Amino acid sequence: MHSSSRTYGESAPYAGDVGLTVGELLEMPHLRLRLHSGAAGVDREVTWTHTSDLPEPWQWLAGGELLMTNGMSFPRDAAGQEELIERLAAAGASALAIGERMYCPRLTQRFGQASERNALPVLWIHYPMPFVAISRAVAEASLGEQSRRLMRTARIYDSLRSSVPEEVHHSRIAGVLSKEFGCPVHVCDRRTGVAFYPRDPPVPDDLSAAVRRVDEGRLVAGARAVPVPGSAVEALIADVPTHDMAALLVVRPEHDSLDGVLVQHASTVVAVELSQARLALEHRRRAGAELMAHLLEGRLEPRGARRQLVAEGLPPESAVAIVAGGGSSDRVQELHLALWRRDVPHVLVIRSEIAHALVPNDDSIIAAVADALGRGGHVGASTPLADVRRVPDADREATWALGLARQQDLATARYGQVSATLGLLGGPQDAAAMVRQWLGPLQEHDRAHHSELVRTLETFLACQRSWQGSADALHVHRQTVLYRVHRIEELTGRSLRETSDIAQFWLALRARELLDPGAV
């Protein structure tokens, strides 16, 4: 790296015995290879051979290969030939070998100049020398390197044995890979580029930006290589099998070769570690859901319950209850993973697509929950918990606040801090009494007879008491709406022609929404 470049990490690259060079291949008389240009690069090591007649062969190189071609897709113009050399050099190719008397067009002067400038040897393969003879020569000379690769691969997989499955807050494998590759390695969020594990070292901003620009990178070693502006490194970004949201980031010096096979093994090991973490998190989620359910039902002795919450990082003095819903169903179901990614202590249970949880009393955490739910998500939060015996009441407060958040289209709402349009209702107790008084008979009738009187009332008022409008909205006959409205009046003893009764019905329906967001 030049002195003005930013550096990443202090590990020295892996140093093994120097393998077969381009010059040594030229000296093998039975191969009958001849040098066309690029003599300054004959000391380049050849790690493998690759045969291709594709238009952009550099996309399929990992670095260190001798590329052999018949020239079928070789550019005919000088600019195209010059670009071919520049791209191969950037991809880390050791040399380009062209079959004589085949399909290659005339090589231009600019082609030769680019070869010399980049110190990328260009060789002629004597006709009719089979390409496989050159491949065998390289393979036989690379047996020692293959043995070293096997050892390195074994060390990568062996790191799984010493990892601790219960430790889910940081990636141990990333540290092992950093040592093995001699350069920094991170497990990243593919979408944002930040560290995937909550307590891993932060990924520098320029590298996170490179991960977000992964589609702009060139294919290298089965991954994408993205330059990092202002530095002499590039970000090599590989997929992690079975984990679409994660990516393996290897920070390597620009144009340095890196064994593509080892990169793929590394991404597989990272996938296994992530799967282990997911299993451990699922175990914790179930234990947390059981604890939260027992707290909501008041089934735990207060001292023991407090001890369990403290062990989870949730002392009651600094915790609140939240109720969260909306957004996509998948995001609600995976809310525990989003909280883990943000390193937020929590216990959580999901009921009817609504998450009920305890989290630290922090506005930024409540906002992060809403962000995790995505568009259409809402979160209600209670007043401070203070005592484990208050969990059921705090959950009701949070449910009320969620209803207010939905009613006023807010991402978050705290109980007692957001004024409702329902000014006559002071809290959950008043709302529950209103629902019982005005909607109770209708709810009982609906449960007993599988009818839809409450829904009909809601629709009838929303349609400004239009018989035909209500019928169209409910997809029933107008006469059915007439019958249901008369039944509502009979069961409640109220009249939907009286303004005061209409107002009370509307108020009761809004209170029902606030008390039970999952019912609407």
Protein backbone atom coordinates (compact mmCIF):
# COMPACT_ATOMS: atom_id res chain seq x y z
CA MET A 1 0.00 0.00 0.00
CA HIS A 2 1.26 3.49 -0.74
CA SER A 3 1.76 5.75 2.26
CA SER A 4 -1.25 7.98 1.61
CA SER A 5 -3.67 5.07 1.51
CA ARG A 6 -5.96 4.12 4.34
CA THR A 7 -5.07 0.75 5.86
CA TYR A 8 -7.29 -1.91 7.40
CA GLY A 9 -5.97 -4.44 9.90
CA GLU A 10 -2.43 -5.45 10.75
CA SER A 11 -2.34 -9.12 9.76
CA ALA A 12 0.32 -10.21 7.33
CA PRO A 13 -0.86 -12.02 4.20
CA TYR A 14 -0.48 -15.76 4.03
CA ALA A 15 2.98 -16.66 2.80
CA GLY A 16 3.60 -20.07 1.34
CA ASP A 17 6.29 -21.42 -0.98
CA VAL A 18 6.36 -19.68 -4.35
CA GLY A 19 4.63 -21.86 -6.94
CA LEU A 20 5.17 -22.27 -10.65
CA THR A 21 5.90 -19.01 -12.48
CA VAL A 22 5.11 -17.94 -16.05
CA GLY A 23 8.84 -17.97 -16.81
CA GLU A 24 9.16 -21.57 -15.64
CA LEU A 25 6.30 -22.59 -17.92
CA LEU A 26 8.10 -20.93 -20.83
CA GLU A 27 11.21 -22.95 -19.99
CA MET A 28 9.40 -26.32 -20.25
CA PRO A 29 10.44 -27.45 -23.74
CA HIS A 30 7.62 -29.98 -24.17
CA LEU A 31 4.98 -27.23 -23.83
CA ARG A 32 6.49 -25.18 -26.69
CA LEU A 33 5.14 -21.86 -25.35
CA ARG A 34 6.43 -18.56 -26.79
CA LEU A 35 6.33 -15.09 -25.25
CA HIS A 36 4.58 -12.39 -27.27
CA SER A 37 4.79 -9.47 -24.83
CA GLY A 38 4.82 -8.55 -21.14
CA ALA A 39 8.29 -9.91 -20.31
CA ALA A 40 8.39 -7.89 -17.08
CA GLY A 41 5.70 -10.15 -15.63
CA VAL A 42 7.23 -13.59 -16.22
CA ASP A 43 7.84 -13.94 -12.47
CA ARG A 44 4.09 -13.95 -11.85
CA GLU A 45 2.96 -17.10 -10.05
CA VAL A 46 0.50 -19.39 -11.84
CA THR A 47 -1.87 -20.97 -9.34
CA TRP A 48 -4.23 -22.55 -11.85
CA THR A 49 -5.32 -22.55 -15.49
CA HIS A 50 -8.65 -21.42 -16.90
CA THR A 51 -9.94 -21.87 -20.44
CA SER A 52 -12.52 -19.45 -21.79
CA ASP A 53 -13.71 -17.94 -25.04
CA LEU A 54 -16.37 -15.78 -23.37
CA PRO A 55 -16.47 -12.07 -24.28
CA GLU A 56 -15.60 -10.94 -20.71
CA PRO A 57 -13.39 -13.70 -19.30
CA TRP A 58 -12.06 -11.52 -16.46
CA GLN A 59 -15.40 -11.93 -14.67
CA TRP A 60 -14.65 -15.59 -14.00
CA LEU A 61 -11.15 -15.27 -12.56
CA ALA A 62 -10.20 -15.47 -8.89
CA GLY A 63 -6.62 -14.26 -9.42
CA GLY A 64 -3.43 -16.13 -10.27
CA GLU A 65 -4.80 -18.01 -13.30
CA LEU A 66 -3.21 -18.58 -16.66
CA LEU A 67 -6.11 -17.79 -19.03
CA MET A 68 -6.04 -19.88 -22.23
CA THR A 69 -8.20 -18.97 -25.22
CA ASN A 70 -8.70 -19.84 -28.90
CA GLY A 71 -9.53 -16.16 -29.51
CA MET A 72 -13.08 -16.81 -30.77
CA SER A 73 -14.47 -13.77 -28.92
CA PHE A 74 -11.24 -11.77 -29.01
CA PRO A 75 -11.80 -8.05 -29.78
CA ARG A 76 -10.68 -7.02 -33.25
CA ASP A 77 -10.25 -3.31 -32.55
CA ALA A 78 -7.27 -1.81 -30.70
CA ALA A 79 -9.41 -0.25 -27.93
CA GLY A 80 -11.14 -3.56 -27.22
CA GLN A 81 -7.87 -5.47 -27.10
CA GLU A 82 -6.32 -2.87 -24.79
CA GLU A 83 -9.35 -3.10 -22.46
CA LEU A 84 -9.04 -6.89 -22.38
CA ILE A 85 -5.46 -6.64 -21.07
CA GLU A 86 -6.40 -3.93 -18.54
CA ARG A 87 -9.32 -5.99 -17.22
CA LEU A 88 -7.30 -9.21 -16.96
CA ALA A 89 -4.55 -7.39 -15.08
CA ALA A 90 -7.11 -5.84 -12.71
CA ALA A 91 -8.60 -9.30 -12.07
CA GLY A 92 -5.19 -10.63 -11.08
CA ALA A 93 -4.58 -12.96 -14.02
CA SER A 94 -1.04 -14.37 -14.20
CA ALA A 95 -0.87 -14.46 -17.99
CA LEU A 96 -2.89 -14.76 -21.20
CA ALA A 97 -2.12 -17.67 -23.55
CA ILE A 98 -3.53 -17.69 -27.11
CA GLY A 99 -3.79 -20.70 -29.37
CA GLU A 100 -1.94 -20.19 -32.64
CA ARG A 101 -3.65 -20.71 -36.02
CA MET A 102 -7.08 -20.72 -34.40
CA TYR A 103 -9.59 -17.85 -34.32
CA CYS A 104 -7.66 -14.94 -32.82
CA PRO A 105 -7.64 -11.76 -34.91
CA ARG A 106 -4.44 -9.80 -35.55
CA LEU A 107 -2.98 -8.41 -32.33
CA THR A 108 -2.66 -4.62 -32.40
CA GLN A 109 0.23 -2.43 -31.27
CA ARG A 110 -1.89 -1.03 -28.42
CA PHE A 111 -2.50 -4.59 -27.22
CA GLY A 112 1.23 -5.22 -26.91
CA GLN A 113 1.81 -1.85 -25.24
CA ALA A 114 -0.89 -2.58 -22.67
CA SER A 115 0.67 -5.97 -21.98
CA GLU A 116 4.07 -4.36 -21.38
CA ARG A 117 2.59 -1.52 -19.30
CA ASN A 118 0.71 -3.92 -17.01
CA ALA A 119 3.52 -6.51 -16.93
CA LEU A 120 0.95 -9.11 -17.99
CA PRO A 121 2.66 -11.79 -20.10
CA VAL A 122 0.95 -12.84 -23.33
CA LEU A 123 1.97 -16.28 -24.62
CA TRP A 124 1.45 -18.19 -27.85
CA ILE A 125 0.37 -21.83 -27.56
CA HIS A 126 1.97 -23.84 -30.37
CA TYR A 127 -0.53 -25.50 -32.71
CA PRO A 128 -1.73 -28.23 -32.13
CA MET A 129 -0.57 -28.36 -28.48
CA PRO A 130 -3.63 -29.38 -26.39
CA PHE A 131 -4.58 -26.97 -23.64
CA VAL A 132 -4.94 -29.86 -21.22
CA ALA A 133 -1.17 -30.54 -21.41
CA ILE A 134 -0.52 -27.07 -19.99
CA SER A 135 -3.19 -27.57 -17.34
CA ARG A 136 -1.57 -30.84 -16.25
CA ALA A 137 1.83 -29.21 -15.98
CA VAL A 138 0.43 -26.49 -13.75
CA ALA A 139 -1.58 -28.97 -11.66
CA GLU A 140 1.44 -31.21 -11.07
CA ALA A 141 3.55 -28.23 -10.06
CA SER A 142 0.80 -27.02 -7.73
CA LEU A 143 0.43 -30.17 -5.62
CA GLY A 144 2.20 -28.49 -2.70
CA GLU A 145 -0.10 -25.49 -2.91
CA GLN A 146 -3.14 -27.80 -3.03
CA SER A 147 -1.93 -29.47 0.14
CA ARG A 148 -1.61 -26.08 1.82
CA ARG A 149 -5.10 -25.15 0.64
CA LEU A 150 -6.46 -28.35 2.15
CA MET A 151 -4.80 -27.51 5.46
CA ARG A 152 -6.23 -24.00 5.43
CA THR A 153 -9.70 -25.31 4.56
CA ALA A 154 -9.49 -27.79 7.43
CA ARG A 155 -8.54 -25.00 9.84
CA ILE A 156 -11.51 -22.92 8.69
CA TYR A 157 -13.97 -25.75 9.30
CA ASP A 158 -12.25 -26.76 12.53
CA SER A 159 -12.99 -23.30 13.93
CA LEU A 160 -16.63 -24.37 14.18
CA ARG A 161 -15.73 -27.01 16.76
CA SER A 162 -14.32 -24.45 19.16
CA SER A 163 -17.12 -21.92 18.67
CA VAL A 164 -19.73 -21.53 21.41
CA PRO A 165 -23.27 -21.95 19.97
CA GLU A 166 -24.82 -20.08 22.90
CA GLU A 167 -22.68 -17.00 22.20
CA VAL A 168 -24.84 -15.13 19.73
CA HIS A 169 -23.68 -11.55 20.14
CA HIS A 170 -20.54 -11.68 17.99
CA SER A 171 -19.03 -13.78 15.21
CA ARG A 172 -16.05 -15.84 16.31
CA ILE A 173 -15.59 -17.17 12.77
CA ALA A 174 -14.89 -13.67 11.40
CA GLY A 175 -11.82 -13.41 13.62
CA VAL A 176 -10.57 -16.84 12.53
CA LEU A 177 -11.01 -15.90 8.86
CA SER A 178 -9.20 -12.59 9.37
CA LYS A 179 -6.15 -14.50 10.62
CA GLU A 180 -6.34 -17.12 7.89
CA PHE A 181 -6.71 -14.64 5.03
CA GLY A 182 -4.31 -12.10 6.49
CA CYS A 183 -6.83 -9.28 6.06
CA PRO A 184 -9.95 -7.99 7.85
CA VAL A 185 -13.12 -10.07 7.47
CA HIS A 186 -16.62 -8.99 8.53
CA VAL A 187 -20.07 -10.56 8.54
CA CYS A 188 -22.35 -7.76 7.30
CA ASP A 189 -25.96 -6.91 6.77
CA ARG A 190 -26.33 -7.10 2.99
CA ARG A 191 -28.82 -4.19 2.88
CA THR A 192 -27.02 -1.67 5.11
CA GLY A 193 -23.42 -2.91 5.18
CA VAL A 194 -23.22 -2.67 8.99
CA ALA A 195 -22.02 -5.52 11.21
CA PHE A 196 -24.58 -8.33 11.30
CA TYR A 197 -23.82 -9.40 14.87
CA PRO A 198 -24.73 -6.77 17.48
CA ARG A 199 -21.38 -6.72 19.30
CA ASP A 200 -18.98 -7.24 16.40
CA PRO A 201 -16.49 -4.42 15.71
CA PRO A 202 -18.18 -1.72 13.61
CA VAL A 203 -17.63 -1.84 9.86
CA PRO A 204 -15.94 1.39 8.62
CA ASP A 205 -18.36 3.66 6.75
CA ASP A 206 -16.53 3.40 3.41
CA LEU A 207 -16.67 -0.41 3.57
CA SER A 208 -20.36 -0.35 4.49
CA ALA A 209 -20.92 1.87 1.47
CA ALA A 210 -19.06 -0.66 -0.69
CA VAL A 211 -21.39 -3.44 0.50
CA ARG A 212 -24.38 -1.31 -0.45
CA ARG A 213 -22.82 -0.87 -3.91
CA VAL A 214 -22.22 -4.59 -4.37
CA ASP A 215 -24.08 -4.70 -7.69
CA GLU A 216 -21.48 -2.33 -9.16
CA GLY A 217 -18.62 -4.73 -8.40
CA ARG A 218 -16.91 -7.09 -10.79
CA LEU A 219 -17.07 -10.85 -10.39
CA VAL A 220 -14.01 -12.26 -8.63
CA ALA A 221 -13.66 -15.66 -6.98
CA GLY A 222 -17.40 -16.24 -6.98
CA ALA A 223 -17.92 -12.88 -5.24
CA ARG A 224 -18.12 -9.22 -6.14
CA ALA A 225 -15.10 -6.94 -5.80
CA VAL A 226 -15.95 -3.29 -5.13
CA PRO A 227 -13.20 -0.60 -5.00
CA VAL A 228 -13.03 1.54 -1.85
CA PRO A 229 -12.33 5.18 -2.84
CA GLY A 230 -9.36 6.80 -1.14
CA SER A 231 -7.71 3.53 -0.18
CA ALA A 232 -5.59 0.80 -1.75
CA VAL A 233 -8.04 -1.93 -0.78
CA GLU A 234 -11.18 -3.34 -2.27
CA ALA A 235 -14.19 -5.02 -0.69
CA LEU A 236 -14.72 -8.62 -1.76
CA ILE A 237 -18.36 -9.43 -0.98
CA ALA A 238 -19.64 -13.02 -1.06
CA ASP A 239 -23.12 -14.44 -0.52
CA VAL A 240 -23.77 -16.42 2.65
CA PRO A 241 -25.71 -19.60 1.73
CA THR A 242 -29.26 -19.82 3.18
CA HIS A 243 -28.97 -16.37 4.80
CA ASP A 244 -30.10 -13.78 2.25
CA MET A 245 -29.72 -10.83 4.62
CA ALA A 246 -26.05 -11.54 5.42
CA ALA A 247 -22.86 -11.10 3.39
CA LEU A 248 -19.22 -12.02 3.91
CA LEU A 249 -16.92 -9.01 3.50
CA VAL A 250 -13.19 -9.59 2.90
CA VAL A 251 -11.04 -6.44 2.80
CA ARG A 252 -8.07 -7.22 0.57
CA PRO A 253 -5.37 -5.07 -1.04
CA GLU A 254 -6.38 -4.13 -4.57
CA HIS A 255 -5.34 -6.64 -7.24
CA ASP A 256 -3.99 -9.12 -4.67
CA SER A 257 -5.14 -12.63 -5.46
CA LEU A 258 -7.26 -14.49 -2.94
CA ASP A 259 -8.11 -18.17 -3.23
CA GLY A 260 -11.69 -18.25 -4.52
CA VAL A 261 -12.24 -21.78 -3.26
CA LEU A 262 -11.31 -20.71 0.28
CA VAL A 263 -13.68 -17.74 0.02
CA GLN A 264 -16.54 -20.10 -0.80
CA HIS A 265 -15.61 -22.41 2.08
CA ALA A 266 -15.48 -19.38 4.35
CA SER A 267 -18.98 -18.24 3.37
CA THR A 268 -20.27 -21.77 4.06
CA VAL A 269 -18.74 -21.76 7.55
CA VAL A 270 -20.25 -18.33 8.22
CA ALA A 271 -23.64 -19.75 7.18
CA VAL A 272 -23.26 -22.59 9.67
CA GLU A 273 -22.34 -20.18 12.46
CA LEU A 274 -25.36 -18.01 11.63
CA SER A 275 -27.60 -21.08 11.69
CA GLN A 276 -26.24 -21.97 15.14
CA ALA A 277 -26.98 -18.43 16.30
CA ARG A 278 -30.52 -18.62 14.91
CA LEU A 279 -31.14 -21.87 16.79
CA ALA A 280 -29.85 -20.36 20.04
CA LEU A 281 -31.99 -17.26 19.49
CA GLU A 282 -35.05 -19.39 18.82
CA HIS A 283 -34.48 -21.18 22.13
CA ARG A 284 -34.20 -17.81 23.87
CA ARG A 285 -37.30 -16.53 22.10
CA ARG A 286 -39.37 -19.46 23.33
CA ALA A 287 -38.11 -19.05 26.89
CA GLY A 288 -38.82 -15.31 26.72
CA ALA A 289 -42.31 -15.90 25.28
CA GLU A 290 -43.11 -18.29 28.13
CA LEU A 291 -41.85 -15.80 30.71
CA MET A 292 -43.84 -12.94 29.14
CA ALA A 293 -47.01 -15.05 28.98
CA HIS A 294 -46.69 -15.95 32.65
CA LEU A 295 -46.11 -12.30 33.57
CA LEU A 296 -49.18 -11.20 31.62
CA GLU A 297 -51.27 -13.81 33.40
CA GLY A 298 -49.83 -12.98 36.84
CA ARG A 299 -48.71 -16.57 37.35
CA LEU A 300 -45.23 -15.86 38.76
CA GLU A 301 -44.16 -15.08 42.30
CA PRO A 302 -42.94 -11.42 42.21
CA ARG A 303 -39.48 -12.01 43.66
CA GLY A 304 -38.71 -14.86 41.26
CA ALA A 305 -40.16 -12.93 38.32
CA ARG A 306 -38.01 -9.93 39.13
CA ARG A 307 -34.92 -12.13 39.32
CA GLN A 308 -35.64 -13.52 35.85
CA LEU A 309 -36.15 -10.07 34.34
CA VAL A 310 -32.90 -8.79 35.85
CA ALA A 311 -31.13 -11.81 34.33
CA GLU A 312 -32.56 -10.77 30.95
CA GLY A 313 -31.19 -7.23 31.41
CA LEU A 314 -34.65 -5.84 32.20
CA PRO A 315 -34.84 -4.59 35.81
CA PRO A 316 -38.46 -3.44 36.29
CA GLU A 317 -37.33 0.00 37.45
CA SER A 318 -36.03 0.79 33.96
CA ALA A 319 -38.42 -1.21 31.74
CA VAL A 320 -41.68 -0.54 29.91
CA ALA A 321 -44.28 -2.70 28.23
CA ILE A 322 -44.76 -2.26 24.50
CA VAL A 323 -47.41 -3.61 22.14
CA ALA A 324 -46.48 -3.56 18.45
CA GLY A 325 -48.34 -4.44 15.27
CA GLY A 326 -48.97 -3.49 11.69
CA GLY A 327 -46.47 -3.63 8.86
CA SER A 328 -45.90 -7.08 7.43
CA SER A 329 -46.72 -10.26 9.32
CA ASP A 330 -43.18 -11.56 8.72
CA ARG A 331 -41.65 -8.53 10.41
CA VAL A 332 -43.83 -9.01 13.48
CA GLN A 333 -42.86 -12.69 13.64
CA GLU A 334 -39.15 -11.81 13.37
CA LEU A 335 -39.23 -8.84 15.72
CA HIS A 336 -37.09 -10.76 18.23
CA LEU A 337 -34.34 -11.01 15.57
CA ALA A 338 -34.54 -7.27 14.87
CA LEU A 339 -34.20 -6.55 18.60
CA TRP A 340 -31.23 -8.94 18.80
CA ARG A 341 -29.56 -7.17 15.86
CA ARG A 342 -29.92 -3.90 17.80
CA ASP A 343 -28.64 -5.54 21.02
CA VAL A 344 -31.89 -4.66 22.84
CA PRO A 345 -32.75 -6.78 25.93
CA HIS A 346 -36.33 -8.05 25.67
CA VAL A 347 -38.88 -10.72 26.44
CA LEU A 348 -41.63 -11.03 23.85
CA VAL A 349 -44.73 -13.04 22.99
CA ILE A 350 -46.87 -12.75 19.86
CA ARG A 351 -50.64 -13.08 20.04
CA SER A 352 -52.92 -12.62 17.02
CA GLU A 353 -50.14 -10.92 14.98
CA ILE A 354 -49.55 -8.43 17.83
CA ALA A 355 -46.25 -8.44 19.75
CA HIS A 356 -46.37 -7.92 23.52
CA ALA A 357 -42.95 -7.25 25.01
CA LEU A 358 -40.89 -5.71 27.79
CA VAL A 359 -37.94 -3.53 26.71
CA PRO A 360 -35.74 -0.85 28.34
CA ASN A 361 -37.50 2.47 28.92
CA ASP A 362 -35.79 4.35 26.10
CA ASP A 363 -37.47 6.39 23.35
CA SER A 364 -34.80 5.40 20.81
CA ILE A 365 -35.50 1.71 21.44
CA ILE A 366 -39.26 2.20 21.03
CA ALA A 367 -38.58 4.06 17.77
CA ALA A 368 -36.26 1.22 16.65
CA VAL A 369 -39.09 -1.28 17.19
CA ALA A 370 -41.35 0.79 14.93
CA ASP A 371 -38.57 0.99 12.33
CA ALA A 372 -38.14 -2.79 12.46
CA LEU A 373 -41.85 -3.23 11.67
CA GLY A 374 -41.49 -1.13 8.54
CA ARG A 375 -44.17 0.87 6.73
CA GLY A 376 -47.55 0.67 8.49
CA GLY A 377 -46.07 -0.47 11.80
CA HIS A 378 -47.14 1.13 15.09
CA VAL A 379 -45.90 0.78 18.66
CA GLY A 380 -47.63 1.64 21.92
CA ALA A 381 -45.64 1.98 25.15
CA SER A 382 -46.76 1.99 28.78
CA THR A 383 -45.68 4.15 31.66
CA PRO A 384 -42.56 2.82 33.47
CA LEU A 385 -43.09 -0.69 34.82
CA ALA A 386 -41.50 -0.17 38.28
CA ASP A 387 -42.91 -3.46 39.65
CA VAL A 388 -43.30 -6.89 38.01
CA ARG A 389 -46.84 -7.09 39.42
CA ARG A 390 -47.76 -4.21 37.12
CA VAL A 391 -47.04 -6.12 33.88
CA PRO A 392 -50.73 -6.87 33.08
CA ASP A 393 -51.74 -3.23 33.69
CA ALA A 394 -48.71 -1.96 31.75
CA ASP A 395 -49.64 -4.21 28.83
CA ARG A 396 -53.15 -2.75 28.82
CA GLU A 397 -51.66 0.76 28.84
CA ALA A 398 -49.42 -0.16 25.89
CA THR A 399 -52.38 -1.66 24.03
CA TRP A 400 -54.32 1.56 24.57
CA ALA A 401 -51.34 3.60 23.33
CA LEU A 402 -51.08 1.36 20.24
CA GLY A 403 -54.72 2.11 19.46
CA LEU A 404 -53.99 5.83 19.74
CA ALA A 405 -50.94 5.46 17.48
CA ARG A 406 -53.06 3.73 14.85
CA GLN A 407 -55.89 6.24 15.21
CA GLN A 408 -53.57 9.21 14.74
CA ASP A 409 -51.20 7.42 12.31
CA LEU A 410 -48.17 7.74 14.58
CA ALA A 411 -45.22 5.36 14.53
CA THR A 412 -45.07 5.36 18.34
CA ALA A 413 -47.25 6.54 21.20
CA ARG A 414 -46.77 6.49 24.97
CA TYR A 415 -49.65 6.02 27.34
CA GLY A 416 -50.71 9.35 28.82
CA GLN A 417 -48.55 11.43 26.44
CA VAL A 418 -50.73 11.39 23.30
CA SER A 419 -54.12 13.03 23.44
CA ALA A 420 -56.92 11.06 21.86
CA THR A 421 -59.88 12.39 19.93
CA LEU A 422 -61.84 10.33 22.43
CA GLY A 423 -61.68 13.00 25.06
CA LEU A 424 -64.43 11.42 27.14
CA LEU A 425 -62.36 8.30 27.79
CA GLY A 426 -59.67 8.66 30.43
CA GLY A 427 -58.04 5.28 29.98
CA PRO A 428 -58.49 1.53 29.41
CA GLN A 429 -60.92 1.13 32.31
CA ASP A 430 -63.31 3.78 30.97
CA ALA A 431 -62.97 2.37 27.47
CA ALA A 432 -63.73 -1.17 28.63
CA ALA A 433 -66.83 0.03 30.47
CA MET A 434 -68.01 1.87 27.36
CA VAL A 435 -67.57 -1.22 25.18
CA ARG A 436 -69.41 -3.45 27.66
CA GLN A 437 -72.33 -1.06 27.94
CA TRP A 438 -72.88 -0.27 24.27
CA LEU A 439 -71.40 -3.22 22.34
CA GLY A 440 -71.55 -6.05 24.87
CA PRO A 441 -74.96 -7.46 23.75
CA LEU A 442 -73.89 -7.33 20.11
CA GLN A 443 -70.56 -9.09 20.80
CA GLU A 444 -72.34 -11.85 22.75
CA HIS A 445 -74.85 -12.32 19.90
CA ASP A 446 -72.04 -12.47 17.33
CA ARG A 447 -70.17 -15.11 19.34
CA ALA A 448 -73.27 -17.22 19.93
CA HIS A 449 -74.75 -17.02 16.42
CA HIS A 450 -71.66 -16.33 14.24
CA SER A 451 -73.34 -13.12 13.11
CA GLU A 452 -71.78 -9.78 12.13
CA LEU A 453 -73.76 -7.19 14.06
CA VAL A 454 -70.71 -5.26 15.30
CA ARG A 455 -69.23 -5.16 11.80
CA THR A 456 -72.58 -4.07 10.40
CA LEU A 457 -72.83 -1.26 12.95
CA GLU A 458 -69.29 -0.11 12.12
CA THR A 459 -70.02 -0.13 8.38
CA PHE A 460 -73.44 1.51 8.76
CA LEU A 461 -71.96 4.48 10.63
CA ALA A 462 -68.96 4.70 8.28
CA CYS A 463 -71.39 4.88 5.33
CA GLN A 464 -73.27 7.75 6.95
CA ARG A 465 -76.24 5.43 7.71
CA SER A 466 -76.81 4.74 4.02
CA TRP A 467 -78.72 1.48 3.61
CA GLN A 468 -77.53 0.84 0.05
CA GLY A 469 -73.97 2.05 0.73
CA SER A 470 -73.73 -0.31 3.71
CA ALA A 471 -75.13 -3.19 1.65
CA ASP A 472 -72.52 -2.62 -1.05
CA ALA A 473 -69.68 -2.42 1.48
CA LEU A 474 -70.81 -5.59 3.25
CA HIS A 475 -71.66 -7.41 -0.02
CA VAL A 476 -75.16 -8.25 1.22
CA HIS A 477 -78.70 -7.33 0.19
CA ARG A 478 -80.12 -3.98 1.34
CA GLN A 479 -82.86 -5.81 3.21
CA THR A 480 -80.22 -7.72 5.19
CA VAL A 481 -78.73 -4.45 6.42
CA LEU A 482 -82.20 -3.24 7.41
CA TYR A 483 -82.83 -6.42 9.40
CA ARG A 484 -79.43 -6.28 11.15
CA VAL A 485 -79.83 -2.62 12.17
CA HIS A 486 -83.25 -3.37 13.65
CA ARG A 487 -81.69 -6.30 15.54
CA ILE A 488 -78.95 -4.00 16.87
CA GLU A 489 -81.56 -1.61 18.19
CA GLU A 490 -83.52 -4.44 19.81
CA LEU A 491 -80.51 -5.95 21.60
CA THR A 492 -79.13 -2.63 22.88
CA GLY A 493 -82.35 -0.74 23.49
CA ARG A 494 -80.88 2.18 21.54
CA SER A 495 -81.92 3.95 18.37
CA LEU A 496 -79.71 4.66 15.36
CA ARG A 497 -81.98 7.59 14.57
CA GLU A 498 -81.03 9.42 17.76
CA THR A 499 -77.95 11.63 17.48
CA SER A 500 -76.86 10.98 21.10
CA ASP A 501 -77.09 7.20 20.65
CA ILE A 502 -75.19 7.40 17.36
CA ALA A 503 -72.41 9.34 19.10
CA GLN A 504 -72.20 6.78 21.91
CA PHE A 505 -72.07 3.87 19.44
CA TRP A 506 -69.27 5.60 17.51
CA LEU A 507 -67.37 6.26 20.75
CA ALA A 508 -67.74 2.62 21.82
CA LEU A 509 -66.45 1.38 18.48
CA ARG A 510 -63.38 3.61 18.75
CA ALA A 511 -62.78 2.42 22.30
CA ARG A 512 -62.95 -1.18 21.05
CA GLU A 513 -60.23 -0.42 18.51
CA LEU A 514 -58.01 1.05 21.20
CA LEU A 515 -58.53 -1.86 23.59
CA ASP A 516 -58.06 -4.61 21.01
CA PRO A 517 -56.04 -3.52 17.94
CA GLY A 518 -55.97 -7.13 16.75
CA ALA A 519 -59.73 -7.14 16.33
CA VAL A 520 -59.74 -4.57 13.52
